[in-house]
Protein backbone atom coordinates (compact mmCIF):
# COMPACT_ATOMS: atom_id res chain seq x y z
CA MET A 1 -15.55 -11.76 -1.62
CA GLY A 2 -13.39 -9.00 -0.14
CA ARG A 3 -12.34 -5.80 -1.97
CA VAL A 4 -9.05 -5.12 -3.68
CA THR A 5 -7.86 -1.93 -2.11
CA TRP A 6 -4.96 0.34 -2.68
CA GLY A 7 -3.78 2.05 0.54
CA PHE A 8 -1.09 4.52 1.05
CA THR A 9 0.27 7.57 2.96
CA SER A 10 1.33 10.41 0.60
CA SER A 11 3.22 13.56 1.02
CA LEU A 12 1.31 16.80 0.01
CA ASP A 13 3.40 16.79 -3.23
CA GLY A 14 2.37 13.35 -4.19
CA PHE A 15 5.05 10.93 -3.09
CA ILE A 16 4.51 7.82 -1.17
CA THR A 17 8.24 7.26 -0.42
CA GLY A 18 11.18 9.47 -0.40
CA PRO A 19 14.25 8.76 -2.54
CA ASP A 20 15.47 5.14 -2.51
CA HIS A 21 12.13 3.98 -0.91
CA ASP A 22 12.94 6.04 2.22
CA MET A 23 10.10 5.88 4.79
CA SER A 24 11.67 7.97 7.54
CA TRP A 25 9.72 11.02 6.54
CA MET A 26 6.65 9.52 8.20
CA SER A 27 8.30 9.59 11.70
CA GLY A 28 7.01 12.43 13.82
CA LEU A 29 4.14 13.59 11.60
CA GLY A 30 1.51 13.15 14.35
CA SER A 31 -0.74 10.36 15.15
CA LEU A 32 -3.95 8.99 13.94
CA ALA A 33 -7.05 8.63 16.24
CA ASP A 34 -7.01 5.66 18.67
CA GLY A 35 -7.97 2.38 16.92
CA THR A 36 -7.65 3.69 13.32
CA VAL A 37 -4.60 1.58 12.50
CA GLU A 38 -5.97 -1.54 14.20
CA ASN A 39 -9.33 -1.09 12.44
CA LEU A 40 -7.86 -0.80 9.04
CA ALA A 41 -5.42 -3.67 9.71
CA SER A 42 -8.28 -5.93 10.81
CA ARG A 43 -9.95 -5.68 7.36
CA VAL A 44 -6.80 -6.91 5.44
CA ALA A 45 -6.15 -10.58 4.91
CA VAL A 46 -3.55 -10.28 2.08
CA ILE A 47 -1.06 -7.66 1.26
CA ILE A 48 0.41 -7.37 -2.20
CA SER A 49 3.60 -5.50 -2.60
CA GLY A 50 6.56 -5.23 -4.79
CA ARG A 51 10.30 -6.29 -4.82
CA ARG A 52 11.75 -2.77 -4.61
CA GLY A 53 9.71 -1.92 -1.46
CA TYR A 54 10.57 -5.36 0.00
CA ASP A 55 14.29 -4.72 -0.58
CA ALA A 56 14.19 -1.27 0.82
CA ALA A 57 12.39 -2.39 3.94
CA LYS A 58 15.07 -4.97 4.60
CA ASP A 59 17.95 -2.54 3.70
CA GLN A 60 16.41 0.16 6.02
CA ALA A 61 15.37 -2.11 8.92
CA ASP A 62 17.70 -0.42 11.38
CA GLU A 63 16.52 3.08 10.43
CA ARG A 64 12.79 2.46 10.42
CA ASP A 65 10.52 3.29 13.40
CA GLU A 66 7.73 1.31 14.87
CA LEU A 67 5.24 2.78 12.37
CA THR A 68 7.22 1.99 9.18
CA SER A 69 8.98 -1.28 10.16
CA ALA A 70 6.04 -3.47 9.63
CA ALA A 71 2.67 -3.17 7.85
CA TYR A 72 0.24 -1.17 9.79
CA GLY A 73 2.87 -0.57 12.41
CA GLY A 74 2.83 -4.18 13.35
CA ALA A 75 -0.94 -4.34 13.95
CA TRP A 76 -1.55 -6.50 10.85
CA SER A 77 -1.18 -10.23 10.35
CA GLY A 78 -1.90 -12.18 7.28
CA THR A 79 -0.34 -13.22 4.11
CA GLU A 80 1.98 -11.13 2.15
CA PHE A 81 2.72 -11.68 -1.61
CA ILE A 82 5.77 -10.08 -3.18
CA LEU A 83 5.65 -9.73 -6.87
CA THR A 84 9.22 -10.14 -8.32
CA HIS A 85 10.79 -11.56 -11.41
CA ARG A 86 13.14 -13.34 -9.12
CA PRO A 87 11.10 -15.31 -6.61
CA GLU A 88 13.75 -17.77 -5.86
CA GLU A 89 15.76 -15.05 -4.19
CA LEU A 90 13.24 -14.74 -1.53
CA ALA A 91 12.69 -18.41 -0.88
CA ASP A 92 14.33 -18.30 2.51
CA ASP A 93 12.01 -15.65 3.84
CA PRO A 94 9.03 -17.50 5.50
CA ASN A 95 7.08 -14.30 6.06
CA VAL A 96 6.33 -13.76 2.39
CA THR A 97 5.06 -15.49 -0.67
CA ALA A 98 7.27 -14.47 -3.65
CA MET A 99 5.47 -14.80 -7.06
CA ASN A 100 6.51 -14.10 -10.60
CA CYS A 101 3.04 -13.46 -12.11
CA SER A 102 0.67 -10.80 -13.28
CA ILE A 103 -1.38 -8.72 -10.84
CA ALA A 104 -4.43 -10.50 -12.02
CA GLU A 105 -3.07 -13.86 -11.15
CA ALA A 106 -1.83 -12.71 -7.83
CA ILE A 107 -5.31 -11.35 -6.97
CA ASP A 108 -6.90 -14.61 -8.14
CA ARG A 109 -4.52 -16.53 -5.82
CA ALA A 110 -5.24 -14.09 -3.01
CA GLN A 111 -9.05 -14.28 -3.14
CA PRO A 112 -9.48 -17.74 -1.52
CA ILE A 113 -7.02 -16.67 1.23
CA ALA A 114 -8.78 -13.32 1.83
CA GLY A 115 -12.26 -14.63 1.90
CA ASP A 116 -14.43 -11.67 3.00
CA ARG A 117 -11.61 -9.59 4.02
CA ASP A 118 -9.55 -7.25 1.86
CA ILE A 119 -6.62 -7.72 -0.37
CA GLN A 120 -4.43 -4.54 0.01
CA ILE A 121 -2.00 -3.27 -2.65
CA ILE A 122 0.75 -1.26 -1.01
CA SER A 123 2.90 -0.53 -4.13
CA ALA A 124 2.42 2.33 -6.47
CA ASP A 125 3.62 0.38 -9.54
CA ILE A 126 1.61 -2.69 -8.68
CA ALA A 127 -1.47 -0.49 -8.08
CA ARG A 128 -0.91 1.14 -11.50
CA GLN A 129 -0.86 -2.44 -13.01
CA ALA A 130 -4.10 -3.37 -11.19
CA LEU A 131 -5.71 -0.12 -12.47
CA ASP A 132 -4.72 -1.00 -16.15
CA VAL A 133 -7.00 -4.05 -15.83
CA ASP A 134 -9.65 -2.47 -13.58
CA LEU A 135 -9.01 -4.57 -10.52
CA ILE A 136 -8.96 -1.82 -7.86
CA ASP A 137 -12.22 -1.54 -5.90
CA GLU A 138 -11.14 1.14 -3.50
CA MET A 139 -8.28 3.58 -2.67
CA GLN A 140 -7.64 4.70 0.89
CA VAL A 141 -5.66 7.84 0.94
CA PHE A 142 -3.76 9.39 3.91
CA VAL A 143 -2.03 12.66 3.15
CA ALA A 144 0.67 13.85 5.49
CA PRO A 145 1.54 17.49 5.96
CA VAL A 146 4.95 17.31 4.37
CA PHE A 147 6.70 17.99 1.01
CA LEU A 148 9.23 15.38 -0.10
CA GLY A 149 10.30 16.85 -3.27
CA ASP A 150 11.32 13.45 -4.76
CA GLY A 151 10.60 9.79 -4.28
CA THR A 152 8.00 7.31 -5.51
CA ARG A 153 5.11 9.13 -7.12
CA ILE A 154 1.57 7.88 -6.11
CA PHE A 155 0.69 7.38 -9.81
CA ASP A 156 3.21 7.76 -12.58
CA VAL A 157 2.22 6.99 -16.13
CA PRO A 158 4.39 8.46 -18.81
CA ALA A 159 2.20 10.18 -21.50
CA GLY A 160 -0.59 10.22 -18.97
CA ARG A 161 -3.82 8.28 -18.16
CA ARG A 162 -6.85 9.74 -16.55
CA ILE A 163 -8.71 7.86 -13.91
CA VAL A 164 -11.67 9.63 -12.15
CA TRP A 165 -12.42 8.60 -8.58
CA GLU A 166 -15.58 9.26 -6.56
CA LEU A 167 -15.42 10.08 -2.88
CA VAL A 168 -16.84 7.40 -0.57
CA GLU A 169 -15.81 8.34 2.83
CA ILE A 170 -14.14 11.01 4.83
CA ASP A 171 -12.58 10.11 8.19
CA ASP A 172 -13.33 13.01 10.41
CA ALA A 173 -11.57 11.39 13.30
CA ASN A 174 -8.31 11.90 11.47
CA ARG A 175 -8.56 15.45 9.95
CA GLU A 176 -4.92 16.22 10.31
CA ALA A 177 -3.96 13.38 8.06
CA PHE A 178 -6.66 14.14 5.51
CA VAL A 179 -7.94 10.56 5.33
CA ARG A 180 -10.23 9.84 2.36
CA THR A 181 -11.56 6.65 0.71
CA TYR A 182 -12.44 6.77 -3.07
CA ARG A 183 -13.75 4.31 -5.64
CA PRO A 184 -12.91 4.48 -9.30
CA LYS A 185 -15.88 5.65 -11.47
CA ARG A 186 -16.52 2.97 -14.02
């Protein structure tokens, strides 16, 4: 069985999007080593994302560049689940499977599709829900050299919750982006 991973690019001050899910901040921040994006994309069979991110991507389609207009800059192909309380509103989009269910159920439904490849969560809120029920196997962090000041926090839990991570891998080929892989200590 593949892993459940949480992958994201973050600003130095801990945001994965700017205000209103803006992703334009990622443009012009430099590039990753040749083959990095394609290698990461090849490991992922299913992406699980949320409705707010889906809506923002549609609303900002004309403003997004090649990197932010599609998952892995277009290098990825597979199945995308959108978790939403209103799946019927996305019924006309053949590119996604809209679901109104818990993250645990979504992962259960994704496992047979993913096989030995990964299920990747690309939403901070959905990742928090998966962490609440110990379903994240690995976190892939890309830190970009920028401060955003506001937006969607990587991990936002009012009243706090501590999760300790152990370093698994440092990607030396992408030192400028501070690429790290962690696993939760259980």
